[in-house]
Amino acid sequence: MAFRVLVYTRTTAYRHDSIPAAVAAVRSLGAAHGFDVDATEDPGAFEAPLDPYAAVVFLSTSGDVLTSQGRDRLREYVEGGGGFVGVHAAACTEYDWPYYGELLGARFDRHPDFQPGKAVVEDHGHPATQHLPPVWEFTDEWYDFRTSPRGAVRVLASADESSYEGGGMGEDHPLVWCREQGAGRVFYTALGHACEAYADPDFRAHLLGGITWAAMG
């Protein structure tokens, strides 16, 4: 499984306190499973060729984080077969770049208070969800999206809004999904707000499955 991933954590809007723990978690997953991890907040990293990487991970990025040249490079990379992984606030990123919204599948709208809730696993046939129970009890922000991506993505898990307070999407609330873009693979999970998530064995396996699936496309 030898490959290299680039973890990008630049923020120009809200910054999650969990970013250091998240980067450390991806590094430890790489060390345990045989892939190399580079982490950066430098937008210049996207102005150089991305070919060395099997996947790029936007890990709780926020706001505009790429230059115009970086946008072009990322688009070419994914269309040409590179993997893309978005974690949590990656959906709060590059609102003014239409391609990014298409790439990710949906854009963040709002979230209720951080609280326990339940995610319903709809598809166990993916490395990110194959280890999970049918109903996954977790504590997170339970992101709402501006539109449901269902129909344009393969939904892997959705939020059970009856299990927490303040959900705004109703019965159809995708939370984790994957899709193909050009020759590339895209995986997104809305979970991962708190430091504790990155120490949780189920969440770590979830993240590992998403990264390896995107990278091995």
C-alpha atoms as a PDB file:
ATOM      1  CA  MET A   1       0.000   0.000   0.000  1.00  0.00           C
ATOM      2  CA  ALA A   2       2.988   2.304  -0.459  1.00  0.00           C
ATOM      3  CA  PHE A   3       1.869   5.744  -1.582  1.00  0.00           C
ATOM      4  CA  ARG A   4       2.071   9.376  -0.477  1.00  0.00           C
ATOM      5  CA  VAL A   5      -0.705  11.758   0.565  1.00  0.00           C
ATOM      6  CA  LEU A   6      -0.737  15.511   1.010  1.00  0.00           C
ATOM      7  CA  VAL A   7      -2.708  16.799   3.998  1.00  0.00           C
ATOM      8  CA  TYR A   8      -3.749  20.434   3.625  1.00  0.00           C
ATOM      9  CA  THR A   9      -5.033  22.375   6.628  1.00  0.00           C
ATOM     10  CA  ARG A  10      -4.989  26.032   5.613  1.00  0.00           C
ATOM     11  CA  THR A  11      -7.837  28.131   7.029  1.00  0.00           C
ATOM     12  CA  THR A  12      -8.906  31.681   6.187  1.00  0.00           C
ATOM     13  CA  ALA A  13     -12.187  31.455   8.118  1.00  0.00           C
ATOM     14  CA  TYR A  14     -13.025  29.349  11.194  1.00  0.00           C
ATOM     15  CA  ARG A  15     -10.112  27.269  12.452  1.00  0.00           C
ATOM     16  CA  HIS A  16     -10.722  24.004  14.259  1.00  0.00           C
ATOM     17  CA  ASP A  17      -8.707  23.334  17.409  1.00  0.00           C
ATOM     18  CA  SER A  18      -8.617  19.677  16.390  1.00  0.00           C
ATOM     19  CA  ILE A  19      -6.357  20.234  13.367  1.00  0.00           C
ATOM     20  CA  PRO A  20      -3.089  19.251  15.114  1.00  0.00           C
ATOM     21  CA  ALA A  21      -4.675  16.073  16.483  1.00  0.00           C
ATOM     22  CA  ALA A  22      -6.131  15.324  13.058  1.00  0.00           C
ATOM     23  CA  VAL A  23      -2.781  15.693  11.289  1.00  0.00           C
ATOM     24  CA  ALA A  24      -1.120  13.527  13.933  1.00  0.00           C
ATOM     25  CA  ALA A  25      -3.800  10.885  13.414  1.00  0.00           C
ATOM     26  CA  VAL A  26      -3.266  10.760   9.651  1.00  0.00           C
ATOM     27  CA  ARG A  27       0.499  10.548  10.187  1.00  0.00           C
ATOM     28  CA  SER A  28       0.064   7.652  12.596  1.00  0.00           C
ATOM     29  CA  LEU A  29      -2.294   5.880  10.202  1.00  0.00           C
ATOM     30  CA  GLY A  30       0.296   6.286   7.473  1.00  0.00           C
ATOM     31  CA  ALA A  31       3.045   4.912   9.678  1.00  0.00           C
ATOM     32  CA  ALA A  32       0.895   1.920  10.624  1.00  0.00           C
ATOM     33  CA  HIS A  33      -0.377   1.171   7.125  1.00  0.00           C
ATOM     34  CA  GLY A  34       2.592   1.947   4.934  1.00  0.00           C
ATOM     35  CA  PHE A  35       1.860   5.305   3.314  1.00  0.00           C
ATOM     36  CA  ASP A  36       3.763   8.566   3.627  1.00  0.00           C
ATOM     37  CA  VAL A  37       2.152  11.813   4.755  1.00  0.00           C
ATOM     38  CA  ASP A  38       3.181  15.376   3.962  1.00  0.00           C
ATOM     39  CA  ALA A  39       1.256  18.118   5.774  1.00  0.00           C
ATOM     40  CA  THR A  40       1.201  21.785   4.804  1.00  0.00           C
ATOM     41  CA  GLU A  41      -0.687  25.057   5.088  1.00  0.00           C
ATOM     42  CA  ASP A  42       1.245  26.632   2.225  1.00  0.00           C
ATOM     43  CA  PRO A  43      -0.926  27.353  -0.844  1.00  0.00           C
ATOM     44  CA  GLY A  44       2.285  27.281  -2.861  1.00  0.00           C
ATOM     45  CA  ALA A  45       2.245  23.495  -2.493  1.00  0.00           C
ATOM     46  CA  PHE A  46      -0.566  23.479  -5.053  1.00  0.00           C
ATOM     47  CA  GLU A  47       1.402  25.546  -7.533  1.00  0.00           C
ATOM     48  CA  ALA A  48       3.861  22.665  -7.902  1.00  0.00           C
ATOM     49  CA  PRO A  49       3.029  19.345  -9.561  1.00  0.00           C
ATOM     50  CA  LEU A  50       0.812  17.136  -7.401  1.00  0.00           C
ATOM     51  CA  ASP A  51       1.855  13.991  -9.261  1.00  0.00           C
ATOM     52  CA  PRO A  52       3.857  12.579  -6.308  1.00  0.00           C
ATOM     53  CA  TYR A  53       0.627  12.209  -4.324  1.00  0.00           C
ATOM     54  CA  ALA A  54      -1.937   9.441  -4.603  1.00  0.00           C
ATOM     55  CA  ALA A  55      -4.430  11.624  -2.725  1.00  0.00           C
ATOM     56  CA  VAL A  56      -4.848  15.145  -1.410  1.00  0.00           C
ATOM     57  CA  VAL A  57      -6.676  15.546   1.913  1.00  0.00           C
ATOM     58  CA  PHE A  58      -8.417  18.842   2.729  1.00  0.00           C
ATOM     59  CA  LEU A  59      -8.617  18.444   6.494  1.00  0.00           C
ATOM     60  CA  SER A  60     -10.903  21.042   8.099  1.00  0.00           C
ATOM     61  CA  THR A  61      -9.808  23.710   5.657  1.00  0.00           C
ATOM     62  CA  SER A  62     -12.020  26.807   5.592  1.00  0.00           C
ATOM     63  CA  GLY A  63     -12.516  29.854   3.420  1.00  0.00           C
ATOM     64  CA  ASP A  64     -10.483  30.499   0.281  1.00  0.00           C
ATOM     65  CA  VAL A  65      -7.310  28.454   0.579  1.00  0.00           C
ATOM     66  CA  LEU A  66      -5.988  28.194  -2.983  1.00  0.00           C
ATOM     67  CA  THR A  67      -4.508  30.629  -5.476  1.00  0.00           C
ATOM     68  CA  SER A  68      -5.904  30.691  -9.007  1.00  0.00           C
ATOM     69  CA  GLN A  69      -2.944  28.602 -10.148  1.00  0.00           C
ATOM     70  CA  GLY A  70      -3.516  26.213  -7.260  1.00  0.00           C
ATOM     71  CA  ARG A  71      -7.125  25.795  -8.311  1.00  0.00           C
ATOM     72  CA  ASP A  72      -6.039  24.896 -11.819  1.00  0.00           C
ATOM     73  CA  ARG A  73      -3.492  22.397 -10.522  1.00  0.00           C
ATOM     74  CA  LEU A  74      -5.996  20.702  -8.229  1.00  0.00           C
ATOM     75  CA  ARG A  75      -8.583  20.427 -10.990  1.00  0.00           C
ATOM     76  CA  GLU A  76      -6.061  18.928 -13.402  1.00  0.00           C
ATOM     77  CA  TYR A  77      -4.827  16.548 -10.716  1.00  0.00           C
ATOM     78  CA  VAL A  78      -8.253  15.132  -9.879  1.00  0.00           C
ATOM     79  CA  GLU A  79      -9.465  15.009 -13.465  1.00  0.00           C
ATOM     80  CA  GLY A  80      -6.295  13.126 -14.328  1.00  0.00           C
ATOM     81  CA  GLY A  81      -6.847  10.455 -11.696  1.00  0.00           C
ATOM     82  CA  GLY A  82      -5.686  11.916  -8.362  1.00  0.00           C
ATOM     83  CA  GLY A  83      -7.630  11.156  -5.209  1.00  0.00           C
ATOM     84  CA  PHE A  84      -9.353  13.843  -3.136  1.00  0.00           C
ATOM     85  CA  VAL A  85     -10.511  13.502   0.473  1.00  0.00           C
ATOM     86  CA  GLY A  86     -12.506  16.147   2.312  1.00  0.00           C
ATOM     87  CA  VAL A  87     -12.856  16.011   6.084  1.00  0.00           C
ATOM     88  CA  HIS A  88     -15.390  18.028   8.090  1.00  0.00           C
ATOM     89  CA  ALA A  89     -14.875  21.743   7.328  1.00  0.00           C
ATOM     90  CA  ALA A  90     -13.575  20.952   3.864  1.00  0.00           C
ATOM     91  CA  ALA A  91     -17.222  21.640   2.979  1.00  0.00           C
ATOM     92  CA  CYS A  92     -16.740  25.228   4.258  1.00  0.00           C
ATOM     93  CA  THR A  93     -14.021  25.884   1.691  1.00  0.00           C
ATOM     94  CA  GLU A  94     -13.684  27.706  -1.660  1.00  0.00           C
ATOM     95  CA  TYR A  95     -17.301  28.899  -1.793  1.00  0.00           C
ATOM     96  CA  ASP A  96     -16.497  31.133  -4.772  1.00  0.00           C
ATOM     97  CA  TRP A  97     -15.060  28.330  -6.905  1.00  0.00           C
ATOM     98  CA  PRO A  98     -17.926  26.429  -8.559  1.00  0.00           C
ATOM     99  CA  TYR A  99     -15.749  23.471  -9.495  1.00  0.00           C
ATOM    100  CA  TYR A 100     -14.931  22.796  -5.856  1.00  0.00           C
ATOM    101  CA  GLY A 101     -18.603  22.507  -4.945  1.00  0.00           C
ATOM    102  CA  GLU A 102     -19.090  20.029  -7.757  1.00  0.00           C
ATOM    103  CA  LEU A 103     -15.964  18.122  -6.742  1.00  0.00           C
ATOM    104  CA  LEU A 104     -16.976  17.746  -3.115  1.00  0.00           C
ATOM    105  CA  GLY A 105     -20.655  17.128  -3.821  1.00  0.00           C
ATOM    106  CA  ALA A 106     -22.248  19.613  -1.402  1.00  0.00           C
ATOM    107  CA  ARG A 107     -21.495  22.799   0.503  1.00  0.00           C
ATOM    108  CA  PHE A 108     -21.842  23.417   4.212  1.00  0.00           C
ATOM    109  CA  ASP A 109     -24.861  25.441   5.319  1.00  0.00           C
ATOM    110  CA  ARG A 110     -25.024  25.360   9.132  1.00  0.00           C
ATOM    111  CA  HIS A 111     -24.695  23.052  12.106  1.00  0.00           C
ATOM    112  CA  PRO A 112     -26.472  22.602  15.435  1.00  0.00           C
ATOM    113  CA  ASP A 113     -24.612  22.389  18.744  1.00  0.00           C
ATOM    114  CA  PHE A 114     -21.911  19.768  19.174  1.00  0.00           C
ATOM    115  CA  GLN A 115     -23.763  16.768  20.619  1.00  0.00           C
ATOM    116  CA  PRO A 116     -24.226  12.997  20.528  1.00  0.00           C
ATOM    117  CA  GLY A 117     -26.249  11.596  17.662  1.00  0.00           C
ATOM    118  CA  LYS A 118     -26.594   8.636  15.324  1.00  0.00           C
ATOM    119  CA  ALA A 119     -25.317   8.041  11.819  1.00  0.00           C
ATOM    120  CA  VAL A 120     -27.101   5.382   9.775  1.00  0.00           C
ATOM    121  CA  VAL A 121     -24.713   3.390   7.606  1.00  0.00           C
ATOM    122  CA  GLU A 122     -26.393   2.983   4.230  1.00  0.00           C
ATOM    123  CA  ASP A 123     -23.561   1.213   2.424  1.00  0.00           C
ATOM    124  CA  HIS A 124     -21.198  -1.222   4.134  1.00  0.00           C
ATOM    125  CA  GLY A 125     -19.468  -2.047   0.851  1.00  0.00           C
ATOM    126  CA  HIS A 126     -16.878   0.708   1.201  1.00  0.00           C
ATOM    127  CA  PRO A 127     -13.599   0.640   3.163  1.00  0.00           C
ATOM    128  CA  ALA A 128     -14.696   3.710   5.161  1.00  0.00           C
ATOM    129  CA  THR A 129     -17.861   2.052   6.468  1.00  0.00           C
ATOM    130  CA  GLN A 130     -17.343  -1.700   6.245  1.00  0.00           C
ATOM    131  CA  HIS A 131     -16.272  -1.918   9.920  1.00  0.00           C
ATOM    132  CA  LEU A 132     -19.110   0.189  11.312  1.00  0.00           C
ATOM    133  CA  PRO A 133     -22.352  -0.981  12.951  1.00  0.00           C
ATOM    134  CA  PRO A 134     -25.633  -0.310  11.121  1.00  0.00           C
ATOM    135  CA  VAL A 135     -26.218   2.635  13.462  1.00  0.00           C
ATOM    136  CA  TRP A 136     -23.059   4.460  14.486  1.00  0.00           C
ATOM    137  CA  GLU A 137     -23.345   6.494  17.666  1.00  0.00           C
ATOM    138  CA  PHE A 138     -21.012   9.473  17.544  1.00  0.00           C
ATOM    139  CA  THR A 139     -20.615  12.994  18.911  1.00  0.00           C
ATOM    140  CA  ASP A 140     -20.149  15.768  16.370  1.00  0.00           C
ATOM    141  CA  GLU A 141     -21.631  18.924  14.848  1.00  0.00           C
ATOM    142  CA  TRP A 142     -23.931  17.079  12.398  1.00  0.00           C
ATOM    143  CA  TYR A 143     -23.446  19.422   9.448  1.00  0.00           C
ATOM    144  CA  ASP A 144     -26.381  20.545   7.334  1.00  0.00           C
ATOM    145  CA  PHE A 145     -25.661  21.145   3.650  1.00  0.00           C
ATOM    146  CA  ARG A 146     -27.186  23.652   1.266  1.00  0.00           C
ATOM    147  CA  THR A 147     -28.499  20.821  -0.881  1.00  0.00           C
ATOM    148  CA  SER A 148     -28.533  17.062  -0.530  1.00  0.00           C
ATOM    149  CA  PRO A 149     -25.922  15.449  -2.787  1.00  0.00           C
ATOM    150  CA  ARG A 150     -27.948  12.253  -3.104  1.00  0.00           C
ATOM    151  CA  GLY A 151     -28.296  11.270  -6.730  1.00  0.00           C
ATOM    152  CA  ALA A 152     -24.920  12.743  -7.631  1.00  0.00           C
ATOM    153  CA  VAL A 153     -22.887  10.764  -5.084  1.00  0.00           C
ATOM    154  CA  ARG A 154     -22.763   7.321  -3.506  1.00  0.00           C
ATOM    155  CA  VAL A 155     -24.124   7.930  -0.012  1.00  0.00           C
ATOM    156  CA  LEU A 156     -22.328   5.820   2.594  1.00  0.00           C
ATOM    157  CA  ALA A 157     -23.903   7.152   5.800  1.00  0.00           C
ATOM    158  CA  SER A 158     -26.579   9.651   6.724  1.00  0.00           C
ATOM    159  CA  ALA A 159     -27.609  11.499   9.854  1.00  0.00           C
ATOM    160  CA  ASP A 160     -30.618  10.370  11.891  1.00  0.00           C
ATOM    161  CA  GLU A 161     -31.989  13.788  12.806  1.00  0.00           C
ATOM    162  CA  SER A 162     -34.340  12.257  15.365  1.00  0.00           C
ATOM    163  CA  SER A 163     -31.271  11.352  17.437  1.00  0.00           C
ATOM    164  CA  TYR A 164     -30.114  14.934  18.100  1.00  0.00           C
ATOM    165  CA  GLU A 165     -31.437  18.476  18.374  1.00  0.00           C
ATOM    166  CA  GLY A 166     -31.409  21.060  15.617  1.00  0.00           C
ATOM    167  CA  GLY A 167     -31.065  19.118  12.372  1.00  0.00           C
ATOM    168  CA  GLY A 168     -32.229  21.091   9.364  1.00  0.00           C
ATOM    169  CA  MET A 169     -32.291  18.739   6.368  1.00  0.00           C
ATOM    170  CA  GLY A 170     -35.057  16.345   7.337  1.00  0.00           C
ATOM    171  CA  GLU A 171     -35.213  12.661   6.493  1.00  0.00           C
ATOM    172  CA  ASP A 172     -32.652  12.813   3.678  1.00  0.00           C
ATOM    173  CA  HIS A 173     -29.437  13.948   5.327  1.00  0.00           C
ATOM    174  CA  PRO A 174     -26.294  12.444   3.739  1.00  0.00           C
ATOM    175  CA  LEU A 175     -23.237  12.743   5.962  1.00  0.00           C
ATOM    176  CA  VAL A 176     -20.570  10.593   4.301  1.00  0.00           C
ATOM    177  CA  TRP A 177     -20.244   9.902   0.602  1.00  0.00           C
ATOM    178  CA  CYS A 178     -17.959   9.200  -2.304  1.00  0.00           C
ATOM    179  CA  ARG A 179     -18.027   9.917  -6.011  1.00  0.00           C
ATOM    180  CA  GLU A 180     -15.886   9.975  -9.116  1.00  0.00           C
ATOM    181  CA  GLN A 181     -14.676  13.160 -10.761  1.00  0.00           C
ATOM    182  CA  GLY A 182     -13.019  12.732 -14.121  1.00  0.00           C
ATOM    183  CA  ALA A 183     -10.538   9.904 -13.601  1.00  0.00           C
ATOM    184  CA  GLY A 184     -10.231  10.686  -9.879  1.00  0.00           C
ATOM    185  CA  ARG A 185     -11.971   9.460  -6.746  1.00  0.00           C
ATOM    186  CA  VAL A 186     -13.518  11.759  -4.139  1.00  0.00           C
ATOM    187  CA  PHE A 187     -14.420  10.873  -0.552  1.00  0.00           C
ATOM    188  CA  TYR A 188     -16.025  13.182   1.996  1.00  0.00           C
ATOM    189  CA  THR A 189     -16.963  12.783   5.657  1.00  0.00           C
ATOM    190  CA  ALA A 190     -18.735  15.545   7.560  1.00  0.00           C
ATOM    191  CA  LEU A 191     -17.524  14.098  10.858  1.00  0.00           C
ATOM    192  CA  GLY A 192     -14.305  15.046  12.646  1.00  0.00           C
ATOM    193  CA  HIS A 193     -14.981  18.235  14.599  1.00  0.00           C
ATOM    194  CA  ALA A 194     -13.337  17.405  17.911  1.00  0.00           C
ATOM    195  CA  CYS A 195      -9.890  16.212  18.952  1.00  0.00           C
ATOM    196  CA  GLU A 196     -11.516  13.149  20.529  1.00  0.00           C
ATOM    197  CA  ALA A 197     -12.686  11.925  17.122  1.00  0.00           C
ATOM    198  CA  TYR A 198      -9.114  11.382  16.005  1.00  0.00           C
ATOM    199  CA  ALA A 199      -8.435   9.070  18.941  1.00  0.00           C
ATOM    200  CA  ASP A 200     -11.610   7.046  18.329  1.00  0.00           C
ATOM    201  CA  PRO A 201     -10.771   3.670  16.727  1.00  0.00           C
ATOM    202  CA  ASP A 202     -13.929   3.574  14.595  1.00  0.00           C
ATOM    203  CA  PHE A 203     -13.379   7.092  13.298  1.00  0.00           C
ATOM    204  CA  ARG A 204      -9.701   6.419  12.595  1.00  0.00           C
ATOM    205  CA  ALA A 205     -10.662   3.338  10.583  1.00  0.00           C
ATOM    206  CA  HIS A 206     -13.316   5.419   8.821  1.00  0.00           C
ATOM    207  CA  LEU A 207     -10.711   8.014   7.872  1.00  0.00           C
ATOM    208  CA  LEU A 208      -8.217   5.344   6.810  1.00  0.00           C
ATOM    209  CA  GLY A 209     -10.799   3.704   4.583  1.00  0.00           C
ATOM    210  CA  GLY A 210     -11.655   6.977   2.872  1.00  0.00           C
ATOM    211  CA  ILE A 211      -8.028   7.908   2.277  1.00  0.00           C
ATOM    212  CA  THR A 212      -6.965   4.518   0.956  1.00  0.00           C
ATOM    213  CA  TRP A 213     -10.020   4.220  -1.288  1.00  0.00           C
ATOM    214  CA  ALA A 214      -9.351   7.632  -2.847  1.00  0.00           C
ATOM    215  CA  ALA A 215      -5.632   6.963  -3.185  1.00  0.00           C
ATOM    216  CA  MET A 216      -5.960   3.545  -4.778  1.00  0.00           C
ATOM    217  CA  GLY A 217      -8.306   4.676  -7.574  1.00  0.00           C
END
